[in-house]
Amino acid sequence: MQIKIMKSAIFSFALLFFSITVSAEEKLTGGTLQAYWRAEWNAEATINTPELNFRYFPAEGSSYGKYIIDIIFKGSEEEKIAFIKKIFANIPSNFLDYHEWYVNQQGTVNVKSRGVYVM
């Protein structure tokens, strides 16, 4: 009987823990969202096909202050560019014309899930 109660308690705790983890969302304010072109070279390193990516630099004093947060944007390059045109205030012509450099926009990011990796 004691084992049955213990299993029930462990299951209840696990359910509560996973429910909180899945539904948790953090709001990071005052940082800088950056869209940038990352170089993607072919195997011979002769052709560069830049890939549009996003990252967030948290504000100083934030609990994430020493980290750079990669933002996973699920969408086509056209959708990413439309998002940039809508959100970013200052976009130099070379950013879109030549697929180079980066653009910054201060703002808030809602983090739904986190992952850690080392490059």
PDB file of N, CA and C in Angstrom:
ATOM      1  N   MET A   1       0.825  -1.188   0.000  1.00  0.00           N
ATOM      2  CA  MET A   1       0.000   0.000   0.000  1.00  0.00           C
ATOM      3  C   MET A   1       0.869   1.251   0.000  1.00  0.00           C
ATOM      4  N   GLN A   2       1.975   1.216   0.740  1.00  0.00           N
ATOM      5  CA  GLN A   2       2.853   2.369   0.800  1.00  0.00           C
ATOM      6  C   GLN A   2       3.500   2.626  -0.572  1.00  0.00           C
ATOM      7  N   ILE A   3       3.803   1.575  -1.319  1.00  0.00           N
ATOM      8  CA  ILE A   3       4.380   1.721  -2.660  1.00  0.00           C
ATOM      9  C   ILE A   3       3.368   2.363  -3.596  1.00  0.00           C
ATOM     10  N   LYS A   4       2.104   2.000  -3.480  1.00  0.00           N
ATOM     11  CA  LYS A   4       1.057   2.552  -4.323  1.00  0.00           C
ATOM     12  C   LYS A   4       0.916   4.057  -4.072  1.00  0.00           C
ATOM     13  N   ILE A   5       0.950   4.476  -2.836  1.00  0.00           N
ATOM     14  CA  ILE A   5       0.850   5.901  -2.491  1.00  0.00           C
ATOM     15  C   ILE A   5       2.067   6.650  -3.014  1.00  0.00           C
ATOM     16  N   MET A   6       3.239   6.040  -2.873  1.00  0.00           N
ATOM     17  CA  MET A   6       4.468   6.674  -3.336  1.00  0.00           C
ATOM     18  C   MET A   6       4.449   6.841  -4.856  1.00  0.00           C
ATOM     19  N   LYS A   7       4.012   5.806  -5.595  1.00  0.00           N
ATOM     20  CA  LYS A   7       3.908   5.904  -7.049  1.00  0.00           C
ATOM     21  C   LYS A   7       2.941   7.010  -7.433  1.00  0.00           C
ATOM     22  N   SER A   8       1.842   7.113  -6.749  1.00  0.00           N
ATOM     23  CA  SER A   8       0.841   8.136  -7.022  1.00  0.00           C
ATOM     24  C   SER A   8       1.414   9.531  -6.776  1.00  0.00           C
ATOM     25  N   ALA A   9       2.153   9.673  -5.680  1.00  0.00           N
ATOM     26  CA  ALA A   9       2.762  10.965  -5.343  1.00  0.00           C
ATOM     27  C   ALA A   9       3.808  11.353  -6.387  1.00  0.00           C
ATOM     28  N   ILE A  10       4.621  10.395  -6.813  1.00  0.00           N
ATOM     29  CA  ILE A  10       5.648  10.669  -7.824  1.00  0.00           C
ATOM     30  C   ILE A  10       4.995  11.056  -9.139  1.00  0.00           C
ATOM     31  N   PHE A  11       3.951  10.347  -9.546  1.00  0.00           N
ATOM     32  CA  PHE A  11       3.246  10.665 -10.776  1.00  0.00           C
ATOM     33  C   PHE A  11       2.636  12.063 -10.709  1.00  0.00           C
ATOM     34  N   SER A  12       2.008  12.397  -9.574  1.00  0.00           N
ATOM     35  CA  SER A  12       1.399  13.724  -9.415  1.00  0.00           C
ATOM     36  C   SER A  12       2.452  14.820  -9.494  1.00  0.00           C
ATOM     37  N   PHE A  13       3.588  14.615  -8.839  1.00  0.00           N
ATOM     38  CA  PHE A  13       4.667  15.598  -8.884  1.00  0.00           C
ATOM     39  C   PHE A  13       5.204  15.749 -10.309  1.00  0.00           C
ATOM     40  N   ALA A  14       5.419  14.624 -10.993  1.00  0.00           N
ATOM     41  CA  ALA A  14       5.929  14.661 -12.365  1.00  0.00           C
ATOM     42  C   ALA A  14       4.955  15.393 -13.279  1.00  0.00           C
ATOM     43  N   LEU A  15       3.672  15.122 -13.139  1.00  0.00           N
ATOM     44  CA  LEU A  15       2.653  15.786 -13.947  1.00  0.00           C
ATOM     45  C   LEU A  15       2.666  17.291 -13.693  1.00  0.00           C
ATOM     46  N   LEU A  16       2.747  17.683 -12.441  1.00  0.00           N
ATOM     47  CA  LEU A  16       2.801  19.091 -12.084  1.00  0.00           C
ATOM     48  C   LEU A  16       4.062  19.739 -12.650  1.00  0.00           C
ATOM     49  N   PHE A  17       5.207  19.087 -12.507  1.00  0.00           N
ATOM     50  CA  PHE A  17       6.471  19.629 -13.002  1.00  0.00           C
ATOM     51  C   PHE A  17       6.435  19.839 -14.508  1.00  0.00           C
ATOM     52  N   PHE A  18       5.995  18.817 -15.248  1.00  0.00           N
ATOM     53  CA  PHE A  18       5.970  18.931 -16.702  1.00  0.00           C
ATOM     54  C   PHE A  18       4.924  19.941 -17.164  1.00  0.00           C
ATOM     55  N   SER A  19       3.830  20.070 -16.456  1.00  0.00           N
ATOM     56  CA  SER A  19       2.817  21.064 -16.811  1.00  0.00           C
ATOM     57  C   SER A  19       3.385  22.473 -16.674  1.00  0.00           C
ATOM     58  N   ILE A  20       4.120  22.710 -15.595  1.00  0.00           N
ATOM     59  CA  ILE A  20       4.707  24.033 -15.383  1.00  0.00           C
ATOM     60  C   ILE A  20       5.779  24.301 -16.441  1.00  0.00           C
ATOM     61  N   THR A  21       6.587  23.313 -16.741  1.00  0.00           N
ATOM     62  CA  THR A  21       7.666  23.490 -17.707  1.00  0.00           C
ATOM     63  C   THR A  21       7.112  23.814 -19.091  1.00  0.00           C
ATOM     64  N   VAL A  22       6.102  23.119 -19.517  1.00  0.00           N
ATOM     65  CA  VAL A  22       5.550  23.308 -20.848  1.00  0.00           C
ATOM     66  C   VAL A  22       4.849  24.654 -20.975  1.00  0.00           C
ATOM     67  N   SER A  23       4.136  25.072 -19.936  1.00  0.00           N
ATOM     68  CA  SER A  23       3.356  26.293 -20.048  1.00  0.00           C
ATOM     69  C   SER A  23       4.129  27.543 -19.630  1.00  0.00           C
ATOM     70  N   ALA A  24       5.336  27.383 -19.126  1.00  0.00           N
ATOM     71  CA  ALA A  24       6.104  28.546 -18.660  1.00  0.00           C
ATOM     72  C   ALA A  24       6.512  29.408 -19.845  1.00  0.00           C
ATOM     73  N   GLU A  25       6.435  30.707 -19.667  1.00  0.00           N
ATOM     74  CA  GLU A  25       6.859  31.652 -20.689  1.00  0.00           C
ATOM     75  C   GLU A  25       7.521  32.825 -19.990  1.00  0.00           C
ATOM     76  N   GLU A  26       8.657  33.247 -20.513  1.00  0.00           N
ATOM     77  CA  GLU A  26       9.375  34.363 -19.920  1.00  0.00           C
ATOM     78  C   GLU A  26       9.337  35.551 -20.865  1.00  0.00           C
ATOM     79  N   LYS A  27       9.244  36.740 -20.302  1.00  0.00           N
ATOM     80  CA  LYS A  27       9.235  37.970 -21.077  1.00  0.00           C
ATOM     81  C   LYS A  27      10.543  38.710 -20.800  1.00  0.00           C
ATOM     82  N   LEU A  28      11.339  38.925 -21.842  1.00  0.00           N
ATOM     83  CA  LEU A  28      12.600  39.647 -21.723  1.00  0.00           C
ATOM     84  C   LEU A  28      12.415  41.021 -22.347  1.00  0.00           C
ATOM     85  N   THR A  29      12.650  42.068 -21.564  1.00  0.00           N
ATOM     86  CA  THR A  29      12.423  43.432 -22.052  1.00  0.00           C
ATOM     87  C   THR A  29      13.718  44.224 -22.093  1.00  0.00           C
ATOM     88  N   GLY A  30      13.733  45.236 -22.937  1.00  0.00           N
ATOM     89  CA  GLY A  30      14.852  46.170 -22.993  1.00  0.00           C
ATOM     90  C   GLY A  30      16.073  45.683 -23.733  1.00  0.00           C
ATOM     91  N   GLY A  31      16.009  44.522 -24.314  1.00  0.00           N
ATOM     92  CA  GLY A  31      17.154  43.978 -25.043  1.00  0.00           C
ATOM     93  C   GLY A  31      17.111  44.375 -26.508  1.00  0.00           C
ATOM     94  N   THR A  32      17.969  43.749 -27.297  1.00  0.00           N
ATOM     95  CA  THR A  32      18.073  44.070 -28.722  1.00  0.00           C
ATOM     96  C   THR A  32      17.884  42.813 -29.558  1.00  0.00           C
ATOM     97  N   LEU A  33      16.912  42.871 -30.471  1.00  0.00           N
ATOM     98  CA  LEU A  33      16.689  41.795 -31.435  1.00  0.00           C
ATOM     99  C   LEU A  33      17.551  42.107 -32.646  1.00  0.00           C
ATOM    100  N   GLN A  34      18.280  41.108 -33.123  1.00  0.00           N
ATOM    101  CA  GLN A  34      19.148  41.297 -34.276  1.00  0.00           C
ATOM    102  C   GLN A  34      18.810  40.277 -35.352  1.00  0.00           C
ATOM    103  N   ALA A  35      18.651  40.765 -36.582  1.00  0.00           N
ATOM    104  CA  ALA A  35      18.536  39.898 -37.751  1.00  0.00           C
ATOM    105  C   ALA A  35      19.880  39.997 -38.470  1.00  0.00           C
ATOM    106  N   TYR A  36      20.434  38.856 -38.876  1.00  0.00           N
ATOM    107  CA  TYR A  36      21.759  38.870 -39.498  1.00  0.00           C
ATOM    108  C   TYR A  36      21.861  37.773 -40.547  1.00  0.00           C
ATOM    109  N   TRP A  37      22.778  37.971 -41.468  1.00  0.00           N
ATOM    110  CA  TRP A  37      23.052  36.981 -42.503  1.00  0.00           C
ATOM    111  C   TRP A  37      24.256  36.148 -42.077  1.00  0.00           C
ATOM    112  N   ARG A  38      24.046  34.860 -41.900  1.00  0.00           N
ATOM    113  CA  ARG A  38      25.123  33.942 -41.535  1.00  0.00           C
ATOM    114  C   ARG A  38      25.656  33.269 -42.797  1.00  0.00           C
ATOM    115  N   ALA A  39      26.961  33.276 -42.952  1.00  0.00           N
ATOM    116  CA  ALA A  39      27.585  32.673 -44.129  1.00  0.00           C
ATOM    117  C   ALA A  39      27.409  31.157 -44.111  1.00  0.00           C
ATOM    118  N   GLU A  40      26.994  30.614 -45.231  1.00  0.00           N
ATOM    119  CA  GLU A  40      26.868  29.163 -45.421  1.00  0.00           C
ATOM    120  C   GLU A  40      27.656  28.805 -46.677  1.00  0.00           C
ATOM    121  N   TRP A  41      28.817  28.212 -46.476  1.00  0.00           N
ATOM    122  CA  TRP A  41      29.694  27.888 -47.595  1.00  0.00           C
ATOM    123  C   TRP A  41      29.483  26.448 -48.062  1.00  0.00           C
ATOM    124  N   ASN A  42      29.675  26.216 -49.370  1.00  0.00           N
ATOM    125  CA  ASN A  42      29.602  24.850 -49.895  1.00  0.00           C
ATOM    126  C   ASN A  42      30.840  24.072 -49.458  1.00  0.00           C
ATOM    127  N   ALA A  43      30.888  22.790 -49.788  1.00  0.00           N
ATOM    128  CA  ALA A  43      31.977  21.910 -49.334  1.00  0.00           C
ATOM    129  C   ALA A  43      33.347  22.380 -49.820  1.00  0.00           C
ATOM    130  N   GLU A  44      33.402  22.986 -50.992  1.00  0.00           N
ATOM    131  CA  GLU A  44      34.680  23.457 -51.541  1.00  0.00           C
ATOM    132  C   GLU A  44      35.023  24.868 -51.050  1.00  0.00           C
ATOM    133  N   ALA A  45      34.147  25.474 -50.296  1.00  0.00           N
ATOM    134  CA  ALA A  45      34.322  26.841 -49.780  1.00  0.00           C
ATOM    135  C   ALA A  45      34.500  27.857 -50.904  1.00  0.00           C
ATOM    136  N   THR A  46      33.724  27.661 -51.979  1.00  0.00           N
ATOM    137  CA  THR A  46      33.808  28.589 -53.107  1.00  0.00           C
ATOM    138  C   THR A  46      32.521  29.384 -53.303  1.00  0.00           C
ATOM    139  N   ILE A  47      31.413  28.877 -52.787  1.00  0.00           N
ATOM    140  CA  ILE A  47      30.126  29.557 -52.956  1.00  0.00           C
ATOM    141  C   ILE A  47      29.493  29.782 -51.586  1.00  0.00           C
ATOM    142  N   ASN A  48      29.141  31.026 -51.318  1.00  0.00           N
ATOM    143  CA  ASN A  48      28.501  31.404 -50.064  1.00  0.00           C
ATOM    144  C   ASN A  48      27.018  31.663 -50.330  1.00  0.00           C
ATOM    145  N   THR A  49      26.166  30.975 -49.614  1.00  0.00           N
ATOM    146  CA  THR A  49      24.723  31.193 -49.693  1.00  0.00           C
ATOM    147  C   THR A  49      24.256  31.635 -48.317  1.00  0.00           C
ATOM    148  N   PRO A  50      24.225  32.957 -48.058  1.00  0.00           N
ATOM    149  CA  PRO A  50      23.891  33.451 -46.719  1.00  0.00           C
ATOM    150  C   PRO A  50      22.504  33.006 -46.251  1.00  0.00           C
ATOM    151  N   GLU A  51      22.407  32.737 -44.960  1.00  0.00           N
ATOM    152  CA  GLU A  51      21.148  32.309 -44.343  1.00  0.00           C
ATOM    153  C   GLU A  51      20.723  33.376 -43.333  1.00  0.00           C
ATOM    154  N   LEU A  52      19.467  33.791 -43.406  1.00  0.00           N
ATOM    155  CA  LEU A  52      18.940  34.824 -42.520  1.00  0.00           C
ATOM    156  C   LEU A  52      18.580  34.215 -41.166  1.00  0.00           C
ATOM    157  N   ASN A  53      19.135  34.779 -40.093  1.00  0.00           N
ATOM    158  CA  ASN A  53      18.914  34.283 -38.733  1.00  0.00           C
ATOM    159  C   ASN A  53      18.601  35.434 -37.789  1.00  0.00           C
ATOM    160  N   PHE A  54      18.141  35.066 -36.590  1.00  0.00           N
ATOM    161  CA  PHE A  54      17.800  36.051 -35.567  1.00  0.00           C
ATOM    162  C   PHE A  54      18.445  35.659 -34.243  1.00  0.00           C
ATOM    163  N   ARG A  55      18.790  36.677 -33.466  1.00  0.00           N
ATOM    164  CA  ARG A  55      19.270  36.446 -32.102  1.00  0.00           C
ATOM    165  C   ARG A  55      18.859  37.646 -31.253  1.00  0.00           C
ATOM    166  N   TYR A  56      18.883  37.440 -29.940  1.00  0.00           N
ATOM    167  CA  TYR A  56      18.448  38.473 -29.001  1.00  0.00           C
ATOM    168  C   TYR A  56      19.538  38.681 -27.962  1.00  0.00           C
ATOM    169  N   PHE A  57      19.911  39.937 -27.770  1.00  0.00           N
ATOM    170  CA  PHE A  57      20.892  40.321 -26.756  1.00  0.00           C
ATOM    171  C   PHE A  57      20.117  40.905 -25.577  1.00  0.00           C
ATOM    172  N   PRO A  58      20.012  40.191 -24.463  1.00  0.00           N
ATOM    173  CA  PRO A  58      19.261  40.697 -23.306  1.00  0.00           C
ATOM    174  C   PRO A  58      19.876  41.984 -22.745  1.00  0.00           C
ATOM    175  N   ALA A  59      19.043  42.766 -22.089  1.00  0.00           N
ATOM    176  CA  ALA A  59      19.493  44.016 -21.477  1.00  0.00           C
ATOM    177  C   ALA A  59      20.479  43.731 -20.355  1.00  0.00           C
ATOM    178  N   GLU A  60      21.364  44.686 -20.110  1.00  0.00           N
ATOM    179  CA  GLU A  60      22.291  44.558 -18.984  1.00  0.00           C
ATOM    180  C   GLU A  60      21.479  44.489 -17.700  1.00  0.00           C
ATOM    181  N   GLY A  61      21.917  43.651 -16.776  1.00  0.00           N
ATOM    182  CA  GLY A  61      21.197  43.482 -15.521  1.00  0.00           C
ATOM    183  C   GLY A  61      20.134  42.399 -15.572  1.00  0.00           C
ATOM    184  N   SER A  62      19.838  41.901 -16.772  1.00  0.00           N
ATOM    185  CA  SER A  62      18.881  40.803 -16.926  1.00  0.00           C
ATOM    186  C   SER A  62      19.527  39.511 -16.437  1.00  0.00           C
ATOM    187  N   SER A  63      18.697  38.558 -16.030  1.00  0.00           N
ATOM    188  CA  SER A  63      19.240  37.263 -15.606  1.00  0.00           C
ATOM    189  C   SER A  63      19.904  36.537 -16.782  1.00  0.00           C
ATOM    190  N   TYR A  64      19.616  36.974 -18.007  1.00  0.00           N
ATOM    191  CA  TYR A  64      20.235  36.403 -19.206  1.00  0.00           C
ATOM    192  C   TYR A  64      21.319  37.317 -19.763  1.00  0.00           C
ATOM    193  N   GLY A  65      21.718  38.329 -19.001  1.00  0.00           N
ATOM    194  CA  GLY A  65      22.636  39.359 -19.467  1.00  0.00           C
ATOM    195  C   GLY A  65      23.915  38.876 -20.110  1.00  0.00           C
ATOM    196  N   LYS A  66      24.438  37.740 -19.707  1.00  0.00           N
ATOM    197  CA  LYS A  66      25.709  37.261 -20.263  1.00  0.00           C
ATOM    198  C   LYS A  66      25.519  36.284 -21.421  1.00  0.00           C
ATOM    199  N   TYR A  67      24.291  36.084 -21.872  1.00  0.00           N
ATOM    200  CA  TYR A  67      24.002  35.132 -22.937  1.00  0.00           C
ATOM    201  C   TYR A  67      23.512  35.836 -24.197  1.00  0.00           C
ATOM    202  N   ILE A  68      23.689  35.168 -25.307  1.00  0.00           N
ATOM    203  CA  ILE A  68      23.069  35.575 -26.564  1.00  0.00           C
ATOM    204  C   ILE A  68      22.046  34.498 -26.877  1.00  0.00           C
ATOM    205  N   ILE A  69      20.825  34.892 -27.149  1.00  0.00           N
ATOM    206  CA  ILE A  69      19.744  33.943 -27.357  1.00  0.00           C
ATOM    207  C   ILE A  69      19.453  33.826 -28.850  1.00  0.00           C
ATOM    208  N   ASP A  70      19.671  32.640 -29.402  1.00  0.00           N
ATOM    209  CA  ASP A  70      19.310  32.387 -30.800  1.00  0.00           C
ATOM    210  C   ASP A  70      17.805  32.216 -30.880  1.00  0.00           C
ATOM    211  N   ILE A  71      17.202  32.878 -31.849  1.00  0.00           N
ATOM    212  CA  ILE A  71      15.757  32.804 -32.055  1.00  0.00           C
ATOM    213  C   ILE A  71      15.501  31.888 -33.246  1.00  0.00           C
ATOM    214  N   ILE A  72      14.708  30.857 -33.034  1.00  0.00           N
ATOM    215  CA  ILE A  72      14.344  29.950 -34.126  1.00  0.00           C
ATOM    216  C   ILE A  72      13.088  30.500 -34.786  1.00  0.00           C
ATOM    217  N   PHE A  73      13.228  30.942 -36.022  1.00  0.00           N
ATOM    218  CA  PHE A  73      12.116  31.509 -36.790  1.00  0.00           C
ATOM    219  C   PHE A  73      11.710  30.471 -37.819  1.00  0.00           C
ATOM    220  N   LYS A  74      10.568  29.863 -37.599  1.00  0.00           N
ATOM    221  CA  LYS A  74      10.105  28.832 -38.523  1.00  0.00           C
ATOM    222  C   LYS A  74       9.308  29.505 -39.633  1.00  0.00           C
ATOM    223  N   GLY A  75       9.922  29.589 -40.776  1.00  0.00           N
ATOM    224  CA  GLY A  75       9.270  30.231 -41.915  1.00  0.00           C
ATOM    225  C   GLY A  75      10.258  30.360 -43.060  1.00  0.00           C
ATOM    226  N   SER A  76       9.741  30.748 -44.212  1.00  0.00           N
ATOM    227  CA  SER A  76      10.582  30.899 -45.393  1.00  0.00           C
ATOM    228  C   SER A  76      11.397  32.186 -45.295  1.00  0.00           C
ATOM    229  N   GLU A  77      12.361  32.343 -46.170  1.00  0.00           N
ATOM    230  CA  GLU A  77      13.151  33.569 -46.193  1.00  0.00           C
ATOM    231  C   GLU A  77      12.248  34.769 -46.482  1.00  0.00           C
ATOM    232  N   GLU A  78      11.252  34.592 -47.339  1.00  0.00           N
ATOM    233  CA  GLU A  78      10.320  35.677 -47.652  1.00  0.00           C
ATOM    234  C   GLU A  78       9.527  36.097 -46.414  1.00  0.00           C
ATOM    235  N   GLU A  79       9.121  35.136 -45.605  1.00  0.00           N
ATOM    236  CA  GLU A  79       8.404  35.450 -44.362  1.00  0.00           C
ATOM    237  C   GLU A  79       9.313  36.164 -43.364  1.00  0.00           C
ATOM    238  N   LYS A  80      10.561  35.750 -43.303  1.00  0.00           N
ATOM    239  CA  LYS A  80      11.521  36.410 -42.412  1.00  0.00           C
ATOM    240  C   LYS A  80      11.736  37.863 -42.840  1.00  0.00           C
ATOM    241  N   ILE A  81      11.888  38.090 -44.145  1.00  0.00           N
ATOM    242  CA  ILE A  81      12.098  39.449 -44.658  1.00  0.00           C
ATOM    243  C   ILE A  81      10.860  40.310 -44.401  1.00  0.00           C
ATOM    244  N   ALA A  82       9.673  39.748 -44.585  1.00  0.00           N
ATOM    245  CA  ALA A  82       8.435  40.494 -44.297  1.00  0.00           C
ATOM    246  C   ALA A  82       8.379  40.886 -42.825  1.00  0.00           C
ATOM    247  N   PHE A  83       8.783  39.978 -41.936  1.00  0.00           N
ATOM    248  CA  PHE A  83       8.823  40.261 -40.504  1.00  0.00           C
ATOM    249  C   PHE A  83       9.802  41.402 -40.218  1.00  0.00           C
ATOM    250  N   ILE A  84      10.977  41.353 -40.824  1.00  0.00           N
ATOM    251  CA  ILE A  84      11.987  42.393 -40.620  1.00  0.00           C
ATOM    252  C   ILE A  84      11.457  43.748 -41.086  1.00  0.00           C
ATOM    253  N   LYS A  85      10.842  43.792 -42.260  1.00  0.00           N
ATOM    254  CA  LYS A  85      10.296  45.054 -42.784  1.00  0.00           C
ATOM    255  C   LYS A  85       9.202  45.613 -41.874  1.00  0.00           C
ATOM    256  N   LYS A  86       8.472  44.731 -41.221  1.00  0.00           N
ATOM    257  CA  LYS A  86       7.389  45.162 -40.333  1.00  0.00           C
ATOM    258  C   LYS A  86       7.907  45.649 -38.980  1.00  0.00           C
ATOM    259  N   ILE A  87       8.910  44.981 -38.419  1.00  0.00           N
ATOM    260  CA  ILE A  87       9.357  45.227 -37.044  1.00  0.00           C
ATOM    261  C   ILE A  87      10.534  46.205 -36.940  1.00  0.00           C
ATOM    262  N   PHE A  88      11.495  46.117 -37.834  1.00  0.00           N
ATOM    263  CA  PHE A  88      12.719  46.903 -37.719  1.00  0.00           C
ATOM    264  C   PHE A  88      12.540  48.296 -38.312  1.00  0.00           C
ATOM    265  N   ALA A  89      12.994  49.308 -37.576  1.00  0.00           N
ATOM    266  CA  ALA A  89      12.801  50.700 -37.983  1.00  0.00           C
ATOM    267  C   ALA A  89      13.804  51.158 -39.037  1.00  0.00           C
ATOM    268  N   ASN A  90      15.045  50.695 -38.959  1.00  0.00           N
ATOM    269  CA  ASN A  90      16.095  51.174 -39.857  1.00  0.00           C
ATOM    270  C   ASN A  90      16.756  49.978 -40.537  1.00  0.00           C
ATOM    271  N   ILE A  91      16.514  49.838 -41.846  1.00  0.00           N
ATOM    272  CA  ILE A  91      17.075  48.717 -42.600  1.00  0.00           C
ATOM    273  C   ILE A  91      17.923  49.276 -43.746  1.00  0.00           C
ATOM    274  N   PRO A  92      19.245  49.176 -43.655  1.00  0.00           N
ATOM    275  CA  PRO A  92      20.100  49.655 -44.757  1.00  0.00           C
ATOM    276  C   PRO A  92      19.836  48.840 -46.027  1.00  0.00           C
ATOM    277  N   SER A  93      19.948  49.481 -47.179  1.00  0.00           N
ATOM    278  CA  SER A  93      19.642  48.799 -48.450  1.00  0.00           C
ATOM    279  C   SER A  93      20.544  47.596 -48.690  1.00  0.00           C
ATOM    280  N   ASN A  94      21.833  47.678 -48.273  1.00  0.00           N
ATOM    281  CA  ASN A  94      22.733  46.556 -48.523  1.00  0.00           C
ATOM    282  C   ASN A  94      22.323  45.300 -47.761  1.00  0.00           C
ATOM    283  N   PHE A  95      21.575  45.461 -46.674  1.00  0.00           N
ATOM    284  CA  PHE A  95      21.150  44.295 -45.895  1.00  0.00           C
ATOM    285  C   PHE A  95      20.281  43.368 -46.738  1.00  0.00           C
ATOM    286  N   LEU A  96      19.331  43.926 -47.455  1.00  0.00           N
ATOM    287  CA  LEU A  96      18.442  43.100 -48.276  1.00  0.00           C
ATOM    288  C   LEU A  96      18.976  42.891 -49.690  1.00  0.00           C
ATOM    289  N   ASP A  97      19.649  43.891 -50.243  1.00  0.00           N
ATOM    290  CA  ASP A  97      20.141  43.779 -51.619  1.00  0.00           C
ATOM    291  C   ASP A  97      21.283  42.782 -51.762  1.00  0.00           C
ATOM    292  N   TYR A  98      22.222  42.802 -50.811  1.00  0.00           N
ATOM    293  CA  TYR A  98      23.431  41.985 -50.930  1.00  0.00           C
ATOM    294  C   TYR A  98      23.531  40.859 -49.891  1.00  0.00           C
ATOM    295  N   HIS A  99      22.500  40.735 -49.056  1.00  0.00           N
ATOM    296  CA  HIS A  99      22.481  39.695 -48.016  1.00  0.00           C
ATOM    297  C   HIS A  99      23.744  39.740 -47.159  1.00  0.00           C
ATOM    298  N   GLU A 100      23.995  40.908 -46.584  1.00  0.00           N
ATOM    299  CA  GLU A 100      25.157  41.082 -45.727  1.00  0.00           C
ATOM    300  C   GLU A 100      24.813  41.972 -44.540  1.00  0.00           C
ATOM    301  N   TRP A 101      25.632  41.888 -43.517  1.00  0.00           N
ATOM    302  CA  TRP A 101      25.535  42.670 -42.291  1.00  0.00           C
ATOM    303  C   TRP A 101      24.371  42.232 -41.418  1.00  0.00           C
ATOM    304  N   TYR A 102      23.872  43.176 -40.624  1.00  0.00           N
ATOM    305  CA  TYR A 102      22.822  42.887 -39.650  1.00  0.00           C
ATOM    306  C   TYR A 102      22.003  44.151 -39.393  1.00  0.00           C
ATOM    307  N   VAL A 103      20.832  43.976 -38.802  1.00  0.00           N
ATOM    308  CA  VAL A 103      19.993  45.097 -38.362  1.00  0.00           C
ATOM    309  C   VAL A 103      19.576  44.820 -36.922  1.00  0.00           C
ATOM    310  N   ASN A 104      19.456  45.890 -36.137  1.00  0.00           N
ATOM    311  CA  ASN A 104      19.089  45.785 -34.722  1.00  0.00           C
ATOM    312  C   ASN A 104      17.797  46.536 -34.450  1.00  0.00           C
ATOM    313  N   GLN A 105      17.036  46.019 -33.504  1.00  0.00           N
ATOM    314  CA  GLN A 105      15.822  46.691 -33.037  1.00  0.00           C
ATOM    315  C   GLN A 105      15.648  46.396 -31.558  1.00  0.00           C
ATOM    316  N   GLN A 106      15.562  47.442 -30.758  1.00  0.00           N
ATOM    317  CA  GLN A 106      15.340  47.243 -29.327  1.00  0.00           C
ATOM    318  C   GLN A 106      13.897  46.815 -29.111  1.00  0.00           C
ATOM    319  N   GLY A 107      13.684  45.929 -28.130  1.00  0.00           N
ATOM    320  CA  GLY A 107      12.328  45.491 -27.861  1.00  0.00           C
ATOM    321  C   GLY A 107      12.225  44.381 -26.839  1.00  0.00           C
ATOM    322  N   THR A 108      11.086  43.715 -26.883  1.00  0.00           N
ATOM    323  CA  THR A 108      10.729  42.664 -25.937  1.00  0.00           C
ATOM    324  C   THR A 108      10.578  41.342 -26.673  1.00  0.00           C
ATOM    325  N   VAL A 109      11.009  40.270 -26.036  1.00  0.00           N
ATOM    326  CA  VAL A 109      10.881  38.925 -26.597  1.00  0.00           C
ATOM    327  C   VAL A 109      10.198  38.034 -25.572  1.00  0.00           C
ATOM    328  N   ASN A 110       9.220  37.262 -26.010  1.00  0.00           N
ATOM    329  CA  ASN A 110       8.593  36.246 -25.161  1.00  0.00           C
ATOM    330  C   ASN A 110       9.239  34.908 -25.471  1.00  0.00           C
ATOM    331  N   VAL A 111       9.863  34.306 -24.466  1.00  0.00           N
ATOM    332  CA  VAL A 111      10.561  33.028 -24.630  1.00  0.00           C
ATOM    333  C   VAL A 111       9.627  31.919 -24.180  1.00  0.00           C
ATOM    334  N   LYS A 112       9.246  31.048 -25.117  1.00  0.00           N
ATOM    335  CA  LYS A 112       8.349  29.938 -24.797  1.00  0.00           C
ATOM    336  C   LYS A 112       9.087  28.703 -24.340  1.00  0.00           C
ATOM    337  N   SER A 113      10.248  28.454 -24.915  1.00  0.00           N
ATOM    338  CA  SER A 113      11.039  27.296 -24.493  1.00  0.00           C
ATOM    339  C   SER A 113      12.507  27.621 -24.699  1.00  0.00           C
ATOM    340  N   ARG A 114      13.345  26.971 -23.893  1.00  0.00           N
ATOM    341  CA  ARG A 114      14.773  27.222 -23.958  1.00  0.00           C
ATOM    342  C   ARG A 114      15.516  25.931 -24.237  1.00  0.00           C
ATOM    343  N   GLY A 115      16.651  26.088 -24.888  1.00  0.00           N
ATOM    344  CA  GLY A 115      17.547  24.966 -25.101  1.00  0.00           C
ATOM    345  C   GLY A 115      18.965  25.456 -24.954  1.00  0.00           C
ATOM    346  N   VAL A 116      19.853  24.596 -24.545  1.00  0.00           N
ATOM    347  CA  VAL A 116      21.242  24.974 -24.359  1.00  0.00           C
ATOM    348  C   VAL A 116      22.094  24.142 -25.315  1.00  0.00           C
ATOM    349  N   TYR A 117      23.014  24.800 -25.979  1.00  0.00           N
ATOM    350  CA  TYR A 117      23.944  24.082 -26.832  1.00  0.00           C
ATOM    351  C   TYR A 117      25.291  24.802 -26.824  1.00  0.00           C
ATOM    352  N   VAL A 118      26.319  24.089 -27.187  1.00  0.00           N
ATOM    353  CA  VAL A 118      27.663  24.642 -27.231  1.00  0.00           C
ATOM    354  C   VAL A 118      28.185  24.441 -28.634  1.00  0.00           C
ATOM    355  N   MET A 119      28.753  25.495 -29.186  1.00  0.00           N
ATOM    356  CA  MET A 119      29.290  25.408 -30.549  1.00  0.00           C
ATOM    357  C   MET A 119      30.781  25.253 -30.501  1.00  0.00           C
TER     358      MET A 119
END
